[in-house]
PDB file of N, CA and C in Angstrom:
ATOM      1  N   UNK A   1      65.193  78.033  80.546  1.00  0.00           N
ATOM      2  CA  UNK A   1      66.445  78.268  81.230  1.00  0.00           C
ATOM      3  C   UNK A   1      67.186  76.943  81.362  1.00  0.00           C
ATOM      4  N   UNK A   2      68.492  76.971  81.075  1.00  0.00           N
ATOM      5  CA  UNK A   2      69.289  75.755  81.124  1.00  0.00           C
ATOM      6  C   UNK A   2      69.706  75.420  82.538  1.00  0.00           C
ATOM      7  N   UNK A   3      70.442  74.328  82.640  1.00  0.00           N
ATOM      8  CA  UNK A   3      70.938  73.927  83.945  1.00  0.00           C
ATOM      9  C   UNK A   3      72.094  74.828  84.361  1.00  0.00           C
ATOM     10  N   UNK A   4      72.495  74.710  85.614  1.00  0.00           N
ATOM     11  CA  UNK A   4      73.609  75.524  86.100  1.00  0.00           C
ATOM     12  C   UNK A   4      74.878  75.221  85.325  1.00  0.00           C
ATOM     13  N   UNK A   5      74.974  73.997  84.787  1.00  0.00           N
ATOM     14  CA  UNK A   5      76.169  73.626  84.029  1.00  0.00           C
ATOM     15  C   UNK A   5      76.297  74.422  82.741  1.00  0.00           C
ATOM     16  N   UNK A   6      75.166  74.905  82.200  1.00  0.00           N
ATOM     17  CA  UNK A   6      75.196  75.703  80.980  1.00  0.00           C
ATOM     18  C   UNK A   6      75.831  77.072  81.212  1.00  0.00           C
ATOM     19  N   UNK A   7      75.916  77.492  82.462  1.00  0.00           N
ATOM     20  CA  UNK A   7      76.409  78.822  82.778  1.00  0.00           C
ATOM     21  C   UNK A   7      77.856  78.832  83.259  1.00  0.00           C
ATOM     22  N   UNK A   8      78.483  77.672  83.239  1.00  0.00           N
ATOM     23  CA  UNK A   8      79.857  77.594  83.723  1.00  0.00           C
ATOM     24  C   UNK A   8      80.830  78.108  82.677  1.00  0.00           C
ATOM     25  N   UNK A   9      82.006  78.386  83.128  1.00  0.00           N
ATOM     26  CA  UNK A   9      83.030  78.898  82.228  1.00  0.00           C
ATOM     27  C   UNK A   9      83.126  80.396  82.373  1.00  0.00           C
ATOM     28  N   UNK A  10      84.027  80.985  81.640  1.00  0.00           N
ATOM     29  CA  UNK A  10      84.214  82.423  81.720  1.00  0.00           C
ATOM     30  C   UNK A  10      85.500  82.738  82.427  1.00  0.00           C
ATOM     31  N   UNK A  11      85.596  83.952  82.887  1.00  0.00           N
ATOM     32  CA  UNK A  11      86.803  84.414  83.556  1.00  0.00           C
ATOM     33  C   UNK A  11      86.583  84.452  85.054  1.00  0.00           C
ATOM     34  N   UNK A  12      87.610  84.158  85.789  1.00  0.00           N
ATOM     35  CA  UNK A  12      87.552  84.198  87.248  1.00  0.00           C
ATOM     36  C   UNK A  12      88.697  85.067  87.716  1.00  0.00           C
ATOM     37  N   UNK A  13      88.372  86.161  88.391  1.00  0.00           N
ATOM     38  CA  UNK A  13      89.385  87.071  88.905  1.00  0.00           C
ATOM     39  C   UNK A  13      89.712  86.655  90.329  1.00  0.00           C
ATOM     40  N   UNK A  14      90.947  86.234  90.545  1.00  0.00           N
ATOM     41  CA  UNK A  14      91.370  85.796  91.871  1.00  0.00           C
ATOM     42  C   UNK A  14      91.379  86.957  92.829  1.00  0.00           C
ATOM     43  N   UNK A  15      90.821  86.741  93.978  1.00  0.00           N
ATOM     44  CA  UNK A  15      90.993  87.703  95.063  1.00  0.00           C
ATOM     45  C   UNK A  15      92.392  87.484  95.611  1.00  0.00           C
ATOM     46  N   UNK A  16      92.853  88.384  96.383  1.00  0.00           N
ATOM     47  CA  UNK A  16      94.199  88.274  96.920  1.00  0.00           C
ATOM     48  C   UNK A  16      94.174  87.531  98.254  1.00  0.00           C
ATOM     49  N   UNK A  17      93.579  86.345  98.261  1.00  0.00           N
ATOM     50  CA  UNK A  17      93.482  85.554  99.483  1.00  0.00           C
ATOM     51  C   UNK A  17      94.119  84.193  99.259  1.00  0.00           C
ATOM     52  N   UNK A  18      94.711  83.604 100.286  1.00  0.00           N
ATOM     53  CA  UNK A  18      95.396  82.317 100.131  1.00  0.00           C
ATOM     54  C   UNK A  18      94.500  81.197  99.607  1.00  0.00           C
ATOM     55  N   UNK A  19      93.221  81.172  99.981  1.00  0.00           N
ATOM     56  CA  UNK A  19      92.341  80.088  99.552  1.00  0.00           C
ATOM     57  C   UNK A  19      92.221  80.021  98.031  1.00  0.00           C
ATOM     58  N   UNK A  20      92.238  81.167  97.368  1.00  0.00           N
ATOM     59  CA  UNK A  20      92.134  81.178  95.912  1.00  0.00           C
ATOM     60  C   UNK A  20      93.398  80.657  95.244  1.00  0.00           C
ATOM     61  N   UNK A  21      94.488  80.613  95.974  1.00  0.00           N
ATOM     62  CA  UNK A  21      95.763  80.149  95.429  1.00  0.00           C
ATOM     63  C   UNK A  21      95.975  78.651  95.667  1.00  0.00           C
ATOM     64  N   UNK A  22      95.117  78.034  96.442  1.00  0.00           N
ATOM     65  CA  UNK A  22      95.254  76.619  96.735  1.00  0.00           C
ATOM     66  C   UNK A  22      95.111  75.809  95.453  1.00  0.00           C
ATOM     67  N   UNK A  23      95.908  74.765  95.339  1.00  0.00           N
ATOM     68  CA  UNK A  23      95.908  73.922  94.149  1.00  0.00           C
ATOM     69  C   UNK A  23      94.530  73.314  93.894  1.00  0.00           C
ATOM     70  N   UNK A  24      93.863  72.852  94.959  1.00  0.00           N
ATOM     71  CA  UNK A  24      92.539  72.241  94.790  1.00  0.00           C
ATOM     72  C   UNK A  24      91.538  73.245  94.209  1.00  0.00           C
ATOM     73  N   UNK A  25      91.617  74.496  94.663  1.00  0.00           N
ATOM     74  CA  UNK A  25      90.726  75.539  94.142  1.00  0.00           C
ATOM     75  C   UNK A  25      91.015  75.788  92.676  1.00  0.00           C
ATOM     76  N   UNK A  26      92.290  75.895  92.337  1.00  0.00           N
ATOM     77  CA  UNK A  26      92.677  76.148  90.946  1.00  0.00           C
ATOM     78  C   UNK A  26      92.244  75.001  90.037  1.00  0.00           C
ATOM     79  N   UNK A  27      92.396  73.764  90.505  1.00  0.00           N
ATOM     80  CA  UNK A  27      91.984  72.600  89.707  1.00  0.00           C
ATOM     81  C   UNK A  27      90.474  72.593  89.483  1.00  0.00           C
ATOM     82  N   UNK A  28      89.718  72.910  90.527  1.00  0.00           N
ATOM     83  CA  UNK A  28      88.253  72.920  90.417  1.00  0.00           C
ATOM     84  C   UNK A  28      87.793  73.992  89.431  1.00  0.00           C
ATOM     85  N   UNK A  29      88.389  75.170  89.510  1.00  0.00           N
ATOM     86  CA  UNK A  29      88.027  76.243  88.583  1.00  0.00           C
ATOM     87  C   UNK A  29      88.348  75.846  87.144  1.00  0.00           C
ATOM     88  N   UNK A  30      89.488  75.222  86.930  1.00  0.00           N
ATOM     89  CA  UNK A  30      89.855  74.763  85.587  1.00  0.00           C
ATOM     90  C   UNK A  30      88.870  73.694  85.117  1.00  0.00           C
ATOM     91  N   UNK A  31      88.500  72.775  85.998  1.00  0.00           N
ATOM     92  CA  UNK A  31      87.530  71.729  85.676  1.00  0.00           C
ATOM     93  C   UNK A  31      86.186  72.325  85.259  1.00  0.00           C
ATOM     94  N   UNK A  32      85.791  73.412  85.938  1.00  0.00           N
ATOM     95  CA  UNK A  32      84.515  74.062  85.635  1.00  0.00           C
ATOM     96  C   UNK A  32      84.594  74.958  84.403  1.00  0.00           C
ATOM     97  N   UNK A  33      85.781  75.096  83.827  1.00  0.00           N
ATOM     98  CA  UNK A  33      85.913  75.845  82.581  1.00  0.00           C
ATOM     99  C   UNK A  33      86.261  77.309  82.742  1.00  0.00           C
ATOM    100  N   UNK A  34      86.710  77.697  83.932  1.00  0.00           N
ATOM    101  CA  UNK A  34      87.074  79.091  84.147  1.00  0.00           C
ATOM    102  C   UNK A  34      88.512  79.341  83.716  1.00  0.00           C
ATOM    103  N   UNK A  35      88.744  80.472  83.090  1.00  0.00           N
ATOM    104  CA  UNK A  35      90.095  80.938  82.822  1.00  0.00           C
ATOM    105  C   UNK A  35      90.448  81.850  83.987  1.00  0.00           C
ATOM    106  N   UNK A  36      91.517  81.548  84.691  1.00  0.00           N
ATOM    107  CA  UNK A  36      91.868  82.312  85.881  1.00  0.00           C
ATOM    108  C   UNK A  36      92.789  83.466  85.550  1.00  0.00           C
ATOM    109  N   UNK A  37      92.461  84.599  86.080  1.00  0.00           N
ATOM    110  CA  UNK A  37      93.282  85.802  85.931  1.00  0.00           C
ATOM    111  C   UNK A  37      93.951  86.082  87.261  1.00  0.00           C
ATOM    112  N   UNK A  38      95.190  86.500  87.223  1.00  0.00           N
ATOM    113  CA  UNK A  38      95.841  86.909  88.459  1.00  0.00           C
ATOM    114  C   UNK A  38      95.217  88.205  88.939  1.00  0.00           C
ATOM    115  N   UNK A  39      95.160  88.357  90.236  1.00  0.00           N
ATOM    116  CA  UNK A  39      94.615  89.574  90.812  1.00  0.00           C
ATOM    117  C   UNK A  39      95.612  90.703  90.578  1.00  0.00           C
ATOM    118  N   UNK A  40      95.158  91.801  89.980  1.00  0.00           N
ATOM    119  CA  UNK A  40      96.092  92.907  89.748  1.00  0.00           C
ATOM    120  C   UNK A  40      96.426  93.612  91.062  1.00  0.00           C
ATOM    121  N   UNK A  41      97.483  94.385  91.044  1.00  0.00           N
ATOM    122  CA  UNK A  41      97.786  95.207  92.197  1.00  0.00           C
ATOM    123  C   UNK A  41      96.583  96.110  92.446  1.00  0.00           C
ATOM    124  N   UNK A  42      96.482  96.647  93.640  1.00  0.00           N
ATOM    125  CA  UNK A  42      95.333  97.477  93.984  1.00  0.00           C
ATOM    126  C   UNK A  42      95.095  98.538  92.918  1.00  0.00           C
ATOM    127  N   UNK A  43      93.854  98.635  92.519  1.00  0.00           N
ATOM    128  CA  UNK A  43      93.459  99.643  91.552  1.00  0.00           C
ATOM    129  C   UNK A  43      92.077 100.149  91.929  1.00  0.00           C
ATOM    130  N   UNK A  44      91.902 101.456  92.092  1.00  0.00           N
ATOM    131  CA  UNK A  44      90.571 101.979  92.399  1.00  0.00           C
ATOM    132  C   UNK A  44      89.570 101.680  91.289  1.00  0.00           C
ATOM    133  N   UNK A  45      90.074 101.403  90.077  1.00  0.00           N
ATOM    134  CA  UNK A  45      89.174 101.054  88.984  1.00  0.00           C
ATOM    135  C   UNK A  45      88.483  99.717  89.222  1.00  0.00           C
ATOM    136  N   UNK A  46      89.096  98.850  90.033  1.00  0.00           N
ATOM    137  CA  UNK A  46      88.539  97.523  90.276  1.00  0.00           C
ATOM    138  C   UNK A  46      88.061  97.343  91.712  1.00  0.00           C
ATOM    139  N   UNK A  47      87.884  98.416  92.428  1.00  0.00           N
ATOM    140  CA  UNK A  47      87.420  98.356  93.813  1.00  0.00           C
ATOM    141  C   UNK A  47      86.053  99.019  93.904  1.00  0.00           C
ATOM    142  N   UNK A  48      84.958  98.210  93.909  1.00  0.00           N
ATOM    143  CA  UNK A  48      83.606  98.799  93.969  1.00  0.00           C
ATOM    144  C   UNK A  48      83.431  99.770  95.129  1.00  0.00           C
ATOM    145  N   UNK A  49      84.138  99.530  96.211  1.00  0.00           N
ATOM    146  CA  UNK A  49      84.016 100.460  97.337  1.00  0.00           C
ATOM    147  C   UNK A  49      84.473 101.855  96.927  1.00  0.00           C
ATOM    148  N   UNK A  50      85.526 101.952  96.118  1.00  0.00           N
ATOM    149  CA  UNK A  50      86.067 103.248  95.728  1.00  0.00           C
ATOM    150  C   UNK A  50      85.202 103.964  94.695  1.00  0.00           C
ATOM    151  N   UNK A  51      84.746 103.247  93.681  1.00  0.00           N
ATOM    152  CA  UNK A  51      84.040 103.935  92.599  1.00  0.00           C
ATOM    153  C   UNK A  51      82.522 103.881  92.725  1.00  0.00           C
ATOM    154  N   UNK A  52      81.992 103.068  93.634  1.00  0.00           N
ATOM    155  CA  UNK A  52      80.531 102.951  93.694  1.00  0.00           C
ATOM    156  C   UNK A  52      79.964 103.259  95.083  1.00  0.00           C
ATOM    157  N   UNK A  53      80.535 102.689  96.116  1.00  0.00           N
ATOM    158  CA  UNK A  53      79.966 102.833  97.451  1.00  0.00           C
ATOM    159  C   UNK A  53      80.366 104.140  98.135  1.00  0.00           C
ATOM    160  N   UNK A  54      81.641 104.477  98.089  1.00  0.00           N
ATOM    161  CA  UNK A  54      82.135 105.619  98.860  1.00  0.00           C
ATOM    162  C   UNK A  54      81.605 106.978  98.421  1.00  0.00           C
ATOM    163  N   UNK A  55      81.403 107.243  97.115  1.00  0.00           N
ATOM    164  CA  UNK A  55      80.921 108.581  96.759  1.00  0.00           C
ATOM    165  C   UNK A  55      79.602 108.960  97.454  1.00  0.00           C
ATOM    166  N   UNK A  56      78.639 108.072  97.470  1.00  0.00           N
ATOM    167  CA  UNK A  56      77.366 108.362  98.143  1.00  0.00           C
ATOM    168  C   UNK A  56      77.512 108.432  99.646  1.00  0.00           C
ATOM    169  N   UNK A  57      78.335 107.548 100.176  1.00  0.00           N
ATOM    170  CA  UNK A  57      78.566 107.530 101.612  1.00  0.00           C
ATOM    171  C   UNK A  57      79.261 108.814 102.065  1.00  0.00           C
ATOM    172  N   UNK A  58      80.190 109.290 101.270  1.00  0.00           N
ATOM    173  CA  UNK A  58      80.881 110.537 101.608  1.00  0.00           C
ATOM    174  C   UNK A  58      79.898 111.703 101.721  1.00  0.00           C
ATOM    175  N   UNK A  59      78.891 111.699 100.840  1.00  0.00           N
ATOM    176  CA  UNK A  59      77.872 112.758 100.904  1.00  0.00           C
ATOM    177  C   UNK A  59      77.092 112.682 102.213  1.00  0.00           C
ATOM    178  N   UNK A  60      76.832 111.452 102.675  1.00  0.00           N
ATOM    179  CA  UNK A  60      76.097 111.273 103.929  1.00  0.00           C
ATOM    180  C   UNK A  60      76.916 111.729 105.146  1.00  0.00           C
ATOM    181  N   UNK A  61      78.232 111.572 105.038  1.00  0.00           N
ATOM    182  CA  UNK A  61      79.099 111.881 106.175  1.00  0.00           C
ATOM    183  C   UNK A  61      79.634 113.312 106.174  1.00  0.00           C
ATOM    184  N   UNK A  62      79.552 113.964 105.020  1.00  0.00           N
ATOM    185  CA  UNK A  62      80.152 115.284 104.858  1.00  0.00           C
ATOM    186  C   UNK A  62      79.573 116.306 105.848  1.00  0.00           C
ATOM    187  N   UNK A  63      80.465 117.064 106.436  1.00  0.00           N
ATOM    188  CA  UNK A  63      80.129 118.176 107.338  1.00  0.00           C
ATOM    189  C   UNK A  63      79.359 117.736 108.583  1.00  0.00           C
ATOM    190  N   UNK A  64      79.435 116.464 108.925  1.00  0.00           N
ATOM    191  CA  UNK A  64      78.802 115.987 110.150  1.00  0.00           C
ATOM    192  C   UNK A  64      79.884 115.694 111.178  1.00  0.00           C
ATOM    193  N   UNK A  65      79.528 115.825 112.415  1.00  0.00           N
ATOM    194  CA  UNK A  65      80.457 115.535 113.502  1.00  0.00           C
ATOM    195  C   UNK A  65      79.924 114.333 114.268  1.00  0.00           C
ATOM    196  N   UNK A  66      80.815 113.402 114.551  1.00  0.00           N
ATOM    197  CA  UNK A  66      80.429 112.180 115.237  1.00  0.00           C
ATOM    198  C   UNK A  66      81.179 112.089 116.559  1.00  0.00           C
ATOM    199  N   UNK A  67      80.515 111.551 117.545  1.00  0.00           N
ATOM    200  CA  UNK A  67      81.143 111.439 118.854  1.00  0.00           C
ATOM    201  C   UNK A  67      81.939 110.151 119.027  1.00  0.00           C
ATOM    202  N   UNK A  68      81.713 109.194 118.115  1.00  0.00           N
ATOM    203  CA  UNK A  68      82.441 107.933 118.244  1.00  0.00           C
ATOM    204  C   UNK A  68      82.523 107.226 116.890  1.00  0.00           C
ATOM    205  N   UNK A  69      83.427 106.280 116.827  1.00  0.00           N
ATOM    206  CA  UNK A  69      83.556 105.451 115.635  1.00  0.00           C
ATOM    207  C   UNK A  69      82.269 104.647 115.407  1.00  0.00           C
ATOM    208  N   UNK A  70      81.647 104.220 116.496  1.00  0.00           N
ATOM    209  CA  UNK A  70      80.406 103.448 116.405  1.00  0.00           C
ATOM    210  C   UNK A  70      79.304 104.258 115.712  1.00  0.00           C
ATOM    211  N   UNK A  71      79.260 105.560 115.947  1.00  0.00           N
ATOM    212  CA  UNK A  71      78.268 106.421 115.292  1.00  0.00           C
ATOM    213  C   UNK A  71      78.501 106.475 113.784  1.00  0.00           C
ATOM    214  N   UNK A  72      79.767 106.555 113.395  1.00  0.00           N
ATOM    215  CA  UNK A  72      80.094 106.582 111.961  1.00  0.00           C
ATOM    216  C   UNK A  72      79.685 105.260 111.310  1.00  0.00           C
ATOM    217  N   UNK A  73      80.001 104.160 111.981  1.00  0.00           N
ATOM    218  CA  UNK A  73      79.651 102.838 111.457  1.00  0.00           C
ATOM    219  C   UNK A  73      78.142 102.702 111.319  1.00  0.00           C
ATOM    220  N   UNK A  74      77.397 103.204 112.290  1.00  0.00           N
ATOM    221  CA  UNK A  74      75.935 103.122 112.245  1.00  0.00           C
ATOM    222  C   UNK A  74      75.377 103.872 111.037  1.00  0.00           C
ATOM    223  N   UNK A  75      75.918 105.053 110.756  1.00  0.00           N
ATOM    224  CA  UNK A  75      75.461 105.821 109.595  1.00  0.00           C
ATOM    225  C   UNK A  75      75.806 105.086 108.299  1.00  0.00           C
ATOM    226  N   UNK A  76      77.006 104.537 108.229  1.00  0.00           N
ATOM    227  CA  UNK A  76      77.424 103.801 107.031  1.00  0.00           C
ATOM    228  C   UNK A  76      76.537 102.581 106.816  1.00  0.00           C
ATOM    229  N   UNK A  77      76.262 101.835 107.867  1.00  0.00           N
ATOM    230  CA  UNK A  77      75.401 100.658 107.752  1.00  0.00           C
ATOM    231  C   UNK A  77      73.988 101.040 107.322  1.00  0.00           C
ATOM    232  N   UNK A  78      73.463 102.104 107.892  1.00  0.00           N
ATOM    233  CA  UNK A  78      72.121 102.571 107.526  1.00  0.00           C
ATOM    234  C   UNK A  78      72.081 102.969 106.052  1.00  0.00           C
ATOM    235  N   UNK A  79      73.120 103.656 105.608  1.00  0.00           N
ATOM    236  CA  UNK A  79      73.205 104.083 104.211  1.00  0.00           C
ATOM    237  C   UNK A  79      73.207 102.876 103.272  1.00  0.00           C
ATOM    238  N   UNK A  80      74.016 101.869 103.570  1.00  0.00           N
ATOM    239  CA  UNK A  80      74.097 100.691 102.697  1.00  0.00           C
ATOM    240  C   UNK A  80      72.850  99.817 102.792  1.00  0.00           C
ATOM    241  N   UNK A  81      72.299  99.670 103.998  1.00  0.00           N
ATOM    242  CA  UNK A  81      71.091  98.854 104.159  1.00  0.00           C
ATOM    243  C   UNK A  81      69.895  99.481 103.455  1.00  0.00           C
ATOM    244  N   UNK A  82      69.926 100.791 103.289  1.00  0.00           N
ATOM    245  CA  UNK A  82      68.825 101.490 102.628  1.00  0.00           C
ATOM    246  C   UNK A  82      68.856 101.391 101.117  1.00  0.00           C
ATOM    247  N   UNK A  83      69.895 100.804 100.574  1.00  0.00           N
ATOM    248  CA  UNK A  83      70.015 100.696  99.111  1.00  0.00           C
ATOM    249  C   UNK A  83      69.183  99.523  98.590  1.00  0.00           C
ATOM    250  N   UNK A  84      68.618  99.717  97.417  1.00  0.00           N
ATOM    251  CA  UNK A  84      67.888  98.636  96.757  1.00  0.00           C
ATOM    252  C   UNK A  84      68.876  97.677  96.107  1.00  0.00           C
ATOM    253  N   UNK A  85      68.420  96.492  95.784  1.00  0.00           N
ATOM    254  CA  UNK A  85      69.305  95.483  95.186  1.00  0.00           C
ATOM    255  C   UNK A  85      69.910  95.975  93.871  1.00  0.00           C
ATOM    256  N   UNK A  86      69.222  96.873  93.169  1.00  0.00           N
ATOM    257  CA  UNK A  86      69.745  97.404  91.911  1.00  0.00           C
ATOM    258  C   UNK A  86      71.050  98.179  92.130  1.00  0.00           C
ATOM    259  N   UNK A  87      71.183  98.804  93.284  1.00  0.00           N
ATOM    260  CA  UNK A  87      72.403  99.534  93.615  1.00  0.00           C
ATOM    261  C   UNK A  87      73.603  98.590  93.618  1.00  0.00           C
ATOM    262  N   UNK A  88      73.434  97.421  94.237  1.00  0.00           N
ATOM    263  CA  UNK A  88      74.524  96.455  94.329  1.00  0.00           C
ATOM    264  C   UNK A  88      74.749  95.755  92.991  1.00  0.00           C
ATOM    265  N   UNK A  89      73.675  95.495  92.265  1.00  0.00           N
ATOM    266  CA  UNK A  89      73.811  94.911  90.931  1.00  0.00           C
ATOM    267  C   UNK A  89      74.579  95.861  90.019  1.00  0.00           C
ATOM    268  N   UNK A  90      74.285  97.134  90.126  1.00  0.00           N
ATOM    269  CA  UNK A  90      74.981  98.152  89.343  1.00  0.00           C
ATOM    270  C   UNK A  90      76.481  98.147  89.655  1.00  0.00           C
ATOM    271  N   UNK A  91      76.833  97.948  90.924  1.00  0.00           N
ATOM    272  CA  UNK A  91      78.248  97.888  91.305  1.00  0.00           C
ATOM    273  C   UNK A  91      78.932  96.716  90.620  1.00  0.00           C
ATOM    274  N   UNK A  92      78.257  95.573  90.571  1.00  0.00           N
ATOM    275  CA  UNK A  92      78.838  94.396  89.913  1.00  0.00           C
ATOM    276  C   UNK A  92      78.952  94.606  88.408  1.00  0.00           C
ATOM    277  N   UNK A  93      77.963  95.268  87.824  1.00  0.00           N
ATOM    278  CA  UNK A  93      78.023  95.539  86.386  1.00  0.00           C
ATOM    279  C   UNK A  93      79.176  96.492  86.067  1.00  0.00           C
ATOM    280  N   UNK A  94      79.367  97.501  86.917  1.00  0.00           N
ATOM    281  CA  UNK A  94      80.485  98.421  86.718  1.00  0.00           C
ATOM    282  C   UNK A  94      81.812  97.691  86.886  1.00  0.00           C
ATOM    283  N   UNK A  95      81.881  96.778  87.864  1.00  0.00           N
ATOM    284  CA  UNK A  95      83.104  95.997  88.058  1.00  0.00           C
ATOM    285  C   UNK A  95      83.414  95.175  86.813  1.00  0.00           C
ATOM    286  N   UNK A  96      82.383  94.571  86.236  1.00  0.00           N
ATOM    287  CA  UNK A  96      82.579  93.788  85.012  1.00  0.00           C
ATOM    288  C   UNK A  96      83.132  94.671  83.888  1.00  0.00           C
ATOM    289  N   UNK A  97      82.551  95.853  83.722  1.00  0.00           N
ATOM    290  CA  UNK A  97      83.018  96.774  82.678  1.00  0.00           C
ATOM    291  C   UNK A  97      84.469  97.194  82.931  1.00  0.00           C
ATOM    292  N   UNK A  98      84.772  97.525  84.179  1.00  0.00           N
ATOM    293  CA  UNK A  98      86.127  97.957  84.512  1.00  0.00           C
ATOM    294  C   UNK A  98      87.129  96.813  84.320  1.00  0.00           C
ATOM    295  N   UNK A  99      86.738  95.590  84.710  1.00  0.00           N
ATOM    296  CA  UNK A  99      87.636  94.444  84.552  1.00  0.00           C
ATOM    297  C   UNK A  99      87.889  94.164  83.072  1.00  0.00           C
ATOM    298  N   UNK A 100      86.862  94.291  82.238  1.00  0.00           N
ATOM    299  CA  UNK A 100      87.046  94.087  80.799  1.00  0.00           C
ATOM    300  C   UNK A 100      88.027  95.109  80.227  1.00  0.00           C
ATOM    301  N   UNK A 101      87.897  96.360  80.669  1.00  0.00           N
ATOM    302  CA  UNK A 101      88.832  97.388  80.211  1.00  0.00           C
ATOM    303  C   UNK A 101      90.255  97.034  80.626  1.00  0.00           C
ATOM    304  N   UNK A 102      90.395  96.578  81.844  1.00  0.00           N
ATOM    305  CA  UNK A 102      91.711  96.215  82.370  1.00  0.00           C
ATOM    306  C   UNK A 102      92.302  95.064  81.545  1.00  0.00           C
ATOM    307  N   UNK A 103      91.487  94.079  81.230  1.00  0.00           N
ATOM    308  CA  UNK A 103      91.943  92.938  80.428  1.00  0.00           C
ATOM    309  C   UNK A 103      92.360  93.415  79.040  1.00  0.00           C
ATOM    310  N   UNK A 104      91.547  94.275  78.447  1.00  0.00           N
ATOM    311  CA  UNK A 104      91.862  94.804  77.106  1.00  0.00           C
ATOM    312  C   UNK A 104      93.175  95.574  77.112  1.00  0.00           C
ATOM    313  N   UNK A 105      93.465  96.242  78.225  1.00  0.00           N
ATOM    314  CA  UNK A 105      94.700  97.025  78.329  1.00  0.00           C
ATOM    315  C   UNK A 105      95.843  96.171  78.897  1.00  0.00           C
ATOM    316  N   UNK A 106      95.628  94.866  78.914  1.00  0.00           N
ATOM    317  CA  UNK A 106      96.637  93.909  79.389  1.00  0.00           C
ATOM    318  C   UNK A 106      97.042  94.164  80.840  1.00  0.00           C
ATOM    319  N   UNK A 107      96.043  94.447  81.655  1.00  0.00           N
ATOM    320  CA  UNK A 107      96.284  94.588  83.087  1.00  0.00           C
ATOM    321  C   UNK A 107      96.706  95.975  83.517  1.00  0.00           C
ATOM    322  N   UNK A 108      96.780  96.919  82.609  1.00  0.00           N
ATOM    323  CA  UNK A 108      97.155  98.285  82.959  1.00  0.00           C
ATOM    324  C   UNK A 108      95.872  99.060  83.230  1.00  0.00           C
ATOM    325  N   UNK A 109      95.521  99.219  84.509  1.00  0.00           N
ATOM    326  CA  UNK A 109      94.268  99.886  84.863  1.00  0.00           C
ATOM    327  C   UNK A 109      94.521 101.322  85.243  1.00  0.00           C
TER     328      UNK A 109
END
């Protein structure tokens, strides 16, 4: 296995946060060899919560009645905490696939 420097470069998808827009951040990413992509407008294709997390969570919440918001949050947390690391890795892999499709379609997701 090579050093961490061997793994640098690639594409970096900006989140829609001010810190990612800072000049120092942009310079560092360029120095590390990343090509920066602008963050597209909201797209469910690029939101792991929409295409990966929510479908299973919706099944857990369906047809149940809750007495408080805290009860709903507790069920959601239990559902996510019960997932194996492969579940989250799968979400990242799907995000990569969806982002590649978006790039191929020139940002039209």
